[in-house]
Amino acid sequence: MIYVLNQSVIMNQDVFVVDVNIIMIKKLKMKGEIIMGREIKFRAWHKKTEIMFDVMEINFVNKLVECYKDHGKAGCIHAGFKLNKIEVMQFTGLKDKKGVEIYEGDILKATSQNIDLAIVEIGEYLEDAEATYCGVFIKLKDGKEYGLSSQETEFAEVIGNIYENPELLNDLNQDKEVTE
């Protein structure tokens, strides 16, 4: 699920054009105040080729996503895909203990709070019986959901994601079966 603002967002002296129909990740230089403290960016998993791409633009009207994959000295792949051919994941604005950016669909291994493996999600979650929250959260092997903030990520490490490392999901599910 992608949450989109219907306005231009000024962050860190750069303007990102954000529209309900098109998300342009391209930066426009402009001086101004900081409205949001995190970068808006996405990555996309191409289902057929099983390649992870960085996203440059999402057009919801035409249902197209413009992507690229940097291969260093070997060059860069630039491609456009239909929205239904990829899975889009949003950057959470958080980094793990090694400075790796955390996206939706990432699998975290934590060294605190007895959390072995957890999947990162963005959306509504039920942390307790009292209220439903909206934001970045982790889903544990027992189905419990907890909000995720920069304090928790200081003790967590991205060890993969649900698309490139599906074997980690098997580990997650096997651990769940053992505890049940």
Protein backbone atom coordinates (compact mmCIF):
# COMPACT_ATOMS: atom_id res chain seq x y z
CA MET A 1 0.00 0.00 0.00
CA ILE A 2 1.32 3.45 -0.91
CA TYR A 3 0.41 6.58 1.03
CA VAL A 4 0.59 9.70 -1.12
CA LEU A 5 0.37 13.36 -0.19
CA ASN A 6 -1.49 15.66 -2.59
CA GLN A 7 1.03 18.52 -2.62
CA SER A 8 4.64 19.41 -3.18
CA VAL A 9 6.81 18.47 -0.25
CA ILE A 10 9.83 20.56 0.69
CA MET A 11 12.52 18.50 2.40
CA ASN A 12 16.15 19.19 3.11
CA GLN A 13 16.19 22.15 0.71
CA ASP A 14 14.83 19.95 -2.15
CA VAL A 15 11.30 19.83 -3.54
CA PHE A 16 9.72 16.53 -4.44
CA VAL A 17 6.69 16.78 -6.71
CA VAL A 18 3.97 14.65 -5.17
CA ASP A 19 0.58 14.42 -6.84
CA VAL A 20 -2.35 12.06 -6.30
CA ASN A 21 -1.85 10.62 -9.80
CA ILE A 22 1.91 10.82 -10.33
CA ILE A 23 4.78 10.51 -7.89
CA MET A 24 7.94 12.04 -9.31
CA ILE A 25 10.97 11.04 -7.35
CA LYS A 26 13.14 13.48 -9.29
CA LYS A 27 14.37 16.32 -7.07
CA LEU A 28 13.81 19.96 -7.96
CA LYS A 29 16.31 22.29 -6.28
CA MET A 30 14.64 25.02 -4.25
CA LYS A 31 15.29 26.75 -0.97
CA GLY A 32 12.58 26.54 1.62
CA GLU A 33 11.53 25.16 4.94
CA ILE A 34 11.62 21.50 5.89
CA ILE A 35 8.08 20.12 6.07
CA MET A 36 8.93 16.42 6.32
CA GLY A 37 12.05 14.91 7.81
CA ARG A 38 12.35 11.93 5.47
CA GLU A 39 13.01 11.20 1.87
CA ILE A 40 10.13 9.93 -0.26
CA LYS A 41 11.40 7.06 -2.36
CA PHE A 42 10.42 3.63 -3.54
CA ARG A 43 11.87 0.43 -4.92
CA ALA A 44 10.13 -2.15 -7.09
CA TRP A 45 10.37 -5.91 -7.47
CA HIS A 46 9.77 -7.04 -11.05
CA LYS A 47 7.80 -10.28 -10.70
CA LYS A 48 8.86 -11.94 -13.97
CA THR A 49 12.60 -11.14 -14.00
CA GLU A 50 12.91 -11.22 -10.19
CA ILE A 51 15.03 -8.07 -10.18
CA MET A 52 14.83 -5.26 -7.61
CA PHE A 53 14.79 -1.76 -9.15
CA ASP A 54 14.93 1.77 -7.78
CA VAL A 55 11.85 3.80 -8.75
CA MET A 56 12.13 7.16 -10.50
CA GLU A 57 8.44 7.86 -11.20
CA ILE A 58 5.04 6.29 -10.52
CA ASN A 59 2.17 7.31 -12.81
CA PHE A 60 -1.15 6.10 -11.39
CA VAL A 61 -3.17 7.45 -14.35
CA ASN A 62 -1.30 5.35 -16.93
CA LYS A 63 -0.41 2.68 -14.33
CA LEU A 64 3.28 2.85 -15.25
CA VAL A 65 6.43 2.85 -13.14
CA GLU A 66 9.76 4.18 -14.41
CA CYS A 67 12.67 2.28 -12.84
CA TYR A 68 16.42 1.89 -13.00
CA LYS A 69 19.03 -0.57 -11.79
CA ASP A 70 22.62 0.60 -11.39
CA HIS A 71 25.22 -2.05 -12.14
CA GLY A 72 28.20 0.19 -11.42
CA LYS A 73 30.83 0.10 -14.14
CA ALA A 74 28.75 -2.42 -16.14
CA GLY A 75 26.13 0.26 -16.75
CA CYS A 76 22.57 1.04 -15.82
CA ILE A 77 19.24 -0.55 -16.80
CA HIS A 78 16.44 1.96 -17.35
CA ALA A 79 12.95 0.51 -17.87
CA GLY A 80 9.26 1.25 -17.60
CA PHE A 81 6.86 -1.33 -16.21
CA LYS A 82 3.11 -1.69 -15.85
CA LEU A 83 2.09 -1.30 -12.21
CA ASN A 84 0.54 -4.80 -12.13
CA LYS A 85 3.88 -6.40 -13.17
CA ILE A 86 5.79 -5.17 -10.11
CA GLU A 87 5.53 -4.90 -6.34
CA VAL A 88 6.25 -1.36 -5.09
CA MET A 89 7.81 -0.85 -1.65
CA GLN A 90 8.09 2.49 0.15
CA PHE A 91 11.15 3.69 2.08
CA THR A 92 10.23 4.00 5.77
CA GLY A 93 12.62 6.84 6.51
CA LEU A 94 14.45 4.53 8.93
CA LYS A 95 17.87 2.89 8.80
CA ASP A 96 19.11 -0.20 10.58
CA LYS A 97 22.09 -0.37 12.97
CA LYS A 98 24.48 -0.55 9.98
CA GLY A 99 22.93 2.44 8.19
CA VAL A 100 21.01 0.33 5.63
CA GLU A 101 17.73 1.93 4.51
CA ILE A 102 14.60 0.05 5.62
CA TYR A 103 11.78 -0.48 3.11
CA GLU A 104 8.40 -2.18 3.25
CA GLY A 105 8.91 -5.91 2.82
CA ASP A 106 12.33 -5.95 4.46
CA ILE A 107 13.07 -8.68 6.96
CA LEU A 108 14.72 -7.51 10.17
CA LYS A 109 16.72 -9.45 12.71
CA ALA A 110 16.72 -7.71 16.09
CA THR A 111 19.14 -8.12 18.97
CA SER A 112 16.76 -6.74 21.59
CA GLN A 113 13.30 -7.45 22.95
CA ASN A 114 13.59 -11.17 22.07
CA ILE A 115 12.63 -10.49 18.44
CA ASP A 116 14.30 -12.93 16.08
CA LEU A 117 12.81 -12.12 12.66
CA ALA A 118 10.17 -9.56 11.68
CA ILE A 119 8.69 -8.22 8.43
CA VAL A 120 8.47 -4.44 7.93
CA GLU A 121 5.11 -3.05 6.79
CA ILE A 122 3.46 0.36 6.40
CA GLY A 123 -0.23 0.86 7.10
CA GLU A 124 -2.70 0.24 9.90
CA TYR A 125 -1.70 -2.04 12.74
CA LEU A 126 -3.09 -3.16 16.08
CA GLU A 127 -0.38 -2.94 18.73
CA ASP A 128 -2.78 -3.44 21.60
CA ALA A 129 -6.49 -3.99 22.10
CA GLU A 130 -7.01 -0.29 22.87
CA ALA A 131 -6.32 1.35 19.52
CA THR A 132 -5.43 0.98 15.87
CA TYR A 133 -2.35 2.89 14.71
CA CYS A 134 -1.12 3.93 11.29
CA GLY A 135 2.54 4.05 10.29
CA VAL A 136 5.62 1.85 10.03
CA PHE A 137 5.38 -1.41 11.96
CA ILE A 138 6.87 -4.87 12.20
CA LYS A 139 4.95 -8.12 12.06
CA LEU A 140 6.38 -10.94 14.16
CA LYS A 141 6.20 -14.67 13.53
CA ASP A 142 3.39 -15.01 16.09
CA GLY A 143 1.30 -12.42 14.19
CA LYS A 144 1.81 -9.63 16.72
CA GLU A 145 2.40 -6.13 15.35
CA TYR A 146 4.50 -3.36 16.88
CA GLY A 147 5.28 0.19 15.81
CA LEU A 148 8.80 0.72 14.48
CA SER A 149 10.83 3.83 15.26
CA SER A 150 14.47 4.88 15.04
CA GLN A 151 14.99 3.76 18.66
CA GLU A 152 14.12 0.14 17.79
CA THR A 153 16.12 0.12 14.54
CA GLU A 154 19.33 0.86 16.49
CA PHE A 155 19.18 -2.82 17.51
CA ALA A 156 17.91 -4.25 14.21
CA GLU A 157 19.57 -5.35 10.99
CA VAL A 158 18.06 -5.77 7.51
CA ILE A 159 18.94 -9.34 6.54
CA GLY A 160 16.89 -9.48 3.34
CA ASN A 161 13.41 -8.90 1.99
CA ILE A 162 10.35 -11.00 1.21
CA TYR A 163 11.04 -11.03 -2.55
CA GLU A 164 14.78 -11.60 -2.91
CA ASN A 165 15.05 -13.86 0.14
CA PRO A 166 11.86 -15.97 0.36
CA GLU A 167 13.79 -18.68 2.24
CA LEU A 168 13.84 -16.33 5.24
CA LEU A 169 10.03 -16.46 5.25
CA ASN A 170 10.28 -20.24 5.55
CA ASP A 171 12.54 -19.76 8.57
CA LEU A 172 10.00 -17.29 9.97
CA ASN A 173 7.09 -19.71 9.43
CA GLN A 174 8.99 -22.74 10.77
CA ASP A 175 9.83 -20.82 13.94
CA LYS A 176 6.15 -19.93 14.25
CA GLU A 177 5.09 -23.60 13.94
CA VAL A 178 7.60 -24.67 16.62
CA THR A 179 6.23 -22.13 19.12
CA GLU A 180 2.57 -23.04 18.50
